[in-house]
Each structure stands twice: as C-alpha cells, then as structure tokens.
Amino acid sequence: MPVIPPVILNRLLAGIEADNLVMLCGAGLSIPPPASLMSAQRVSQACYDKWLPTEQLPIAMRNNIDLLSGHFYANGQFESVFI
C-alpha cells in the first residue's frame, strides 16, 4: 500500500510541475551539508518573497513561518499554496 494516497500524490506532482509546491519540515532540519535544507525562517522568507507580487503581506510575516502559514490557512488558501 502506498504511503501517500494516489489523490494526494497527484496533487503533489501537479504542484511540482506548476512550480508552486512548498514542503515544510518540523524539528530536526538538517541545515548543514549534505542535506543543506533551509531553516524555517529562510523558508518563510522565500515563500513571502515569491508571494509578494501576488499580494502585499505584512512585513512581520516574512520571518515567521507560523504567521505566514496561518495567514493562508485563515484565508482558506493553505492547501492551494502550501500543498
């Protein structure tokens, strides 16, 4: 049995193809090599900067992934923006 249901997998793949997929990771991020993943703050900055041409957001959201993701969740956009 697949770990990810086919419906979700198809949506994830479509997000990758549309260049609008963001993956959020929890504690244990591997920032140093070899993984070289971005910190939560850097993810928030990258998402904020990419979204800015679409909508002006409060600057406080730029460095706070909780505020940024909460904004999209409250507006019913979390799934379409972050998944």
N, C-alpha and C. Protein backbone atom coordinates (compact mmCIF):
# COMPACT_ATOMS: atom_id res chain seq x y z
N MET A 1 0.85 -1.18 0.00
CA MET A 1 0.00 0.00 0.00
C MET A 1 0.89 1.24 0.00
N PRO A 2 0.62 2.20 -0.89
CA PRO A 2 1.43 3.42 -0.94
C PRO A 2 1.28 4.24 0.35
N VAL A 3 2.33 4.92 0.71
CA VAL A 3 2.31 5.78 1.89
C VAL A 3 1.42 7.00 1.62
N ILE A 4 1.49 7.53 0.43
CA ILE A 4 0.70 8.70 0.05
C ILE A 4 -0.44 8.24 -0.84
N PRO A 5 -1.69 8.54 -0.46
CA PRO A 5 -2.82 8.15 -1.31
C PRO A 5 -2.67 8.74 -2.72
N PRO A 6 -3.12 8.03 -3.73
CA PRO A 6 -2.97 8.49 -5.12
C PRO A 6 -3.52 9.90 -5.37
N VAL A 7 -4.63 10.25 -4.75
CA VAL A 7 -5.22 11.58 -4.96
C VAL A 7 -4.25 12.66 -4.48
N ILE A 8 -3.68 12.46 -3.30
CA ILE A 8 -2.72 13.43 -2.76
C ILE A 8 -1.44 13.43 -3.58
N LEU A 9 -0.98 12.26 -3.97
CA LEU A 9 0.24 12.16 -4.78
C LEU A 9 0.08 12.92 -6.09
N ASN A 10 -1.06 12.78 -6.74
CA ASN A 10 -1.31 13.51 -7.99
C ASN A 10 -1.30 15.03 -7.76
N ARG A 11 -1.86 15.47 -6.65
CA ARG A 11 -1.86 16.91 -6.35
C ARG A 11 -0.45 17.41 -6.06
N LEU A 12 0.34 16.60 -5.36
CA LEU A 12 1.72 16.98 -5.09
C LEU A 12 2.53 17.08 -6.38
N LEU A 13 2.36 16.10 -7.24
CA LEU A 13 3.08 16.11 -8.52
C LEU A 13 2.65 17.31 -9.38
N ALA A 14 1.37 17.63 -9.35
CA ALA A 14 0.88 18.79 -10.10
C ALA A 14 1.49 20.08 -9.54
N GLY A 15 1.63 20.14 -8.21
CA GLY A 15 2.26 21.30 -7.58
C GLY A 15 3.71 21.45 -7.99
N ILE A 16 4.41 20.33 -8.10
CA ILE A 16 5.80 20.36 -8.54
C ILE A 16 5.87 20.87 -9.98
N GLU A 17 5.02 20.33 -10.84
CA GLU A 17 5.01 20.75 -12.25
C GLU A 17 4.66 22.22 -12.41
N ALA A 18 3.79 22.74 -11.54
CA ALA A 18 3.38 24.15 -11.62
C ALA A 18 4.36 25.07 -10.90
N ASP A 19 5.40 24.50 -10.30
CA ASP A 19 6.41 25.26 -9.56
C ASP A 19 5.79 26.06 -8.42
N ASN A 20 4.85 25.43 -7.71
CA ASN A 20 4.26 26.10 -6.56
C ASN A 20 4.09 25.17 -5.36
N LEU A 21 5.02 24.25 -5.21
CA LEU A 21 4.97 23.32 -4.10
C LEU A 21 5.98 23.74 -3.05
N VAL A 22 5.53 23.80 -1.80
CA VAL A 22 6.41 24.12 -0.69
C VAL A 22 6.30 22.98 0.32
N MET A 23 7.43 22.49 0.77
CA MET A 23 7.45 21.46 1.79
C MET A 23 7.91 22.07 3.10
N LEU A 24 7.13 21.92 4.15
CA LEU A 24 7.51 22.41 5.47
C LEU A 24 7.95 21.21 6.30
N CYS A 25 9.07 21.34 6.97
CA CYS A 25 9.60 20.27 7.80
C CYS A 25 9.61 20.71 9.25
N GLY A 26 9.50 19.76 10.13
CA GLY A 26 9.50 20.07 11.55
C GLY A 26 10.88 20.05 12.15
N ALA A 27 10.92 19.82 13.45
CA ALA A 27 12.18 19.79 14.19
C ALA A 27 13.13 18.78 13.58
N GLY A 28 14.41 19.07 13.69
CA GLY A 28 15.41 18.16 13.16
C GLY A 28 15.85 18.50 11.76
N LEU A 29 15.55 19.71 11.30
CA LEU A 29 16.01 20.12 9.97
C LEU A 29 17.51 19.93 9.87
N SER A 30 17.95 19.47 8.76
CA SER A 30 19.37 19.28 8.52
C SER A 30 19.88 20.45 7.69
N ILE A 31 20.28 21.51 8.36
CA ILE A 31 20.74 22.71 7.67
C ILE A 31 22.14 22.53 7.07
N PRO A 32 23.07 21.93 7.80
CA PRO A 32 24.40 21.78 7.21
C PRO A 32 24.43 20.69 6.14
N PRO A 33 25.47 20.68 5.32
CA PRO A 33 25.61 19.61 4.33
C PRO A 33 25.62 18.25 5.02
N PRO A 34 25.21 17.21 4.38
CA PRO A 34 24.93 17.14 2.95
C PRO A 34 23.51 17.54 2.58
N ALA A 35 22.57 17.62 3.54
CA ALA A 35 21.19 17.93 3.20
C ALA A 35 21.03 19.40 2.79
N SER A 36 21.65 20.29 3.51
CA SER A 36 21.62 21.73 3.22
C SER A 36 20.20 22.27 3.08
N LEU A 37 19.30 21.84 3.96
CA LEU A 37 17.94 22.35 3.93
C LEU A 37 17.89 23.75 4.53
N MET A 38 16.94 24.54 4.09
CA MET A 38 16.78 25.89 4.61
C MET A 38 16.16 25.83 6.01
N SER A 39 16.49 26.83 6.83
CA SER A 39 15.84 26.96 8.14
C SER A 39 14.39 27.37 7.92
N ALA A 40 13.58 27.24 8.96
CA ALA A 40 12.18 27.65 8.86
C ALA A 40 12.08 29.14 8.52
N GLN A 41 12.98 29.94 9.09
CA GLN A 41 12.96 31.37 8.78
C GLN A 41 13.28 31.61 7.31
N ARG A 42 14.24 30.91 6.78
CA ARG A 42 14.61 31.08 5.36
C ARG A 42 13.48 30.60 4.44
N VAL A 43 12.79 29.52 4.83
CA VAL A 43 11.63 29.04 4.05
C VAL A 43 10.56 30.13 4.05
N SER A 44 10.30 30.72 5.21
CA SER A 44 9.31 31.78 5.31
C SER A 44 9.68 32.96 4.42
N GLN A 45 10.95 33.36 4.45
CA GLN A 45 11.41 34.47 3.61
C GLN A 45 11.24 34.16 2.13
N ALA A 46 11.60 32.95 1.73
CA ALA A 46 11.49 32.58 0.31
C ALA A 46 10.03 32.56 -0.13
N CYS A 47 9.16 32.01 0.70
CA CYS A 47 7.73 31.96 0.35
C CYS A 47 7.13 33.37 0.30
N TYR A 48 7.47 34.16 1.28
CA TYR A 48 6.97 35.54 1.34
C TYR A 48 7.40 36.31 0.09
N ASP A 49 8.69 36.22 -0.22
CA ASP A 49 9.22 36.96 -1.37
C ASP A 49 8.58 36.50 -2.68
N LYS A 50 8.34 35.21 -2.80
CA LYS A 50 7.73 34.69 -4.03
C LYS A 50 6.26 35.11 -4.14
N TRP A 51 5.56 35.21 -3.00
CA TRP A 51 4.14 35.55 -2.99
C TRP A 51 3.91 37.06 -3.12
N LEU A 52 4.89 37.87 -2.77
CA LEU A 52 4.73 39.33 -2.72
C LEU A 52 4.17 39.95 -4.00
N PRO A 53 4.57 39.51 -5.20
CA PRO A 53 3.95 40.11 -6.40
C PRO A 53 2.45 39.81 -6.51
N THR A 54 1.99 38.77 -5.83
CA THR A 54 0.58 38.39 -5.89
C THR A 54 -0.25 39.19 -4.89
N GLU A 55 0.33 39.43 -3.72
CA GLU A 55 -0.42 40.09 -2.64
C GLU A 55 0.57 40.75 -1.68
N GLN A 56 0.27 41.98 -1.28
CA GLN A 56 1.09 42.67 -0.28
C GLN A 56 0.74 42.10 1.09
N LEU A 57 1.74 41.56 1.77
CA LEU A 57 1.53 40.95 3.09
C LEU A 57 2.27 41.77 4.14
N PRO A 58 1.83 41.70 5.40
CA PRO A 58 2.56 42.41 6.46
C PRO A 58 4.01 41.92 6.54
N ILE A 59 4.93 42.84 6.70
CA ILE A 59 6.35 42.50 6.72
C ILE A 59 6.69 41.55 7.87
N ALA A 60 5.92 41.57 8.94
CA ALA A 60 6.18 40.67 10.08
C ALA A 60 6.07 39.19 9.67
N MET A 61 5.33 38.91 8.61
CA MET A 61 5.18 37.53 8.14
C MET A 61 6.43 37.01 7.45
N ARG A 62 7.28 37.89 7.00
CA ARG A 62 8.43 37.47 6.19
C ARG A 62 9.37 36.54 6.96
N ASN A 63 9.56 36.78 8.23
CA ASN A 63 10.49 35.97 9.02
C ASN A 63 9.80 35.00 9.96
N ASN A 64 8.50 34.81 9.81
CA ASN A 64 7.75 33.98 10.75
C ASN A 64 6.85 33.01 10.00
N ILE A 65 7.31 31.77 9.89
CA ILE A 65 6.57 30.76 9.14
C ILE A 65 5.19 30.49 9.75
N ASP A 66 5.06 30.64 11.06
CA ASP A 66 3.77 30.44 11.71
C ASP A 66 2.77 31.51 11.26
N LEU A 67 3.20 32.76 11.26
CA LEU A 67 2.32 33.84 10.80
C LEU A 67 1.96 33.69 9.33
N LEU A 68 2.96 33.38 8.52
CA LEU A 68 2.73 33.27 7.08
C LEU A 68 1.79 32.12 6.75
N SER A 69 2.07 30.95 7.28
CA SER A 69 1.19 29.81 7.01
C SER A 69 -0.18 30.02 7.64
N GLY A 70 -0.23 30.68 8.81
CA GLY A 70 -1.51 30.97 9.45
C GLY A 70 -2.38 31.90 8.61
N HIS A 71 -1.74 32.84 7.94
CA HIS A 71 -2.46 33.76 7.05
C HIS A 71 -3.16 32.97 5.94
N PHE A 72 -2.42 32.09 5.29
CA PHE A 72 -3.01 31.31 4.21
C PHE A 72 -4.06 30.33 4.72
N TYR A 73 -3.84 29.78 5.89
CA TYR A 73 -4.83 28.86 6.47
C TYR A 73 -6.13 29.61 6.78
N ALA A 74 -6.01 30.78 7.41
CA ALA A 74 -7.20 31.58 7.77
C ALA A 74 -7.99 32.01 6.55
N ASN A 75 -7.31 32.19 5.42
CA ASN A 75 -7.98 32.62 4.19
C ASN A 75 -8.40 31.45 3.30
N GLY A 76 -8.27 30.23 3.82
CA GLY A 76 -8.67 29.06 3.04
C GLY A 76 -7.74 28.78 1.88
N GLN A 77 -6.50 29.29 1.94
CA GLN A 77 -5.54 29.12 0.85
C GLN A 77 -4.38 28.20 1.21
N PHE A 78 -4.33 27.72 2.43
CA PHE A 78 -3.17 26.95 2.87
C PHE A 78 -2.91 25.77 1.95
N GLU A 79 -3.94 25.01 1.68
CA GLU A 79 -3.77 23.81 0.87
C GLU A 79 -3.32 24.14 -0.54
N SER A 80 -3.90 25.18 -1.13
CA SER A 80 -3.53 25.50 -2.52
C SER A 80 -2.17 26.16 -2.61
N VAL A 81 -1.70 26.81 -1.56
CA VAL A 81 -0.41 27.49 -1.58
C VAL A 81 0.70 26.58 -1.06
N PHE A 82 0.45 25.90 0.04
CA PHE A 82 1.49 25.11 0.68
C PHE A 82 1.48 23.64 0.33
N ILE A 83 0.42 23.13 -0.22
CA ILE A 83 0.38 21.69 -0.58
C ILE A 83 0.23 21.58 -2.08
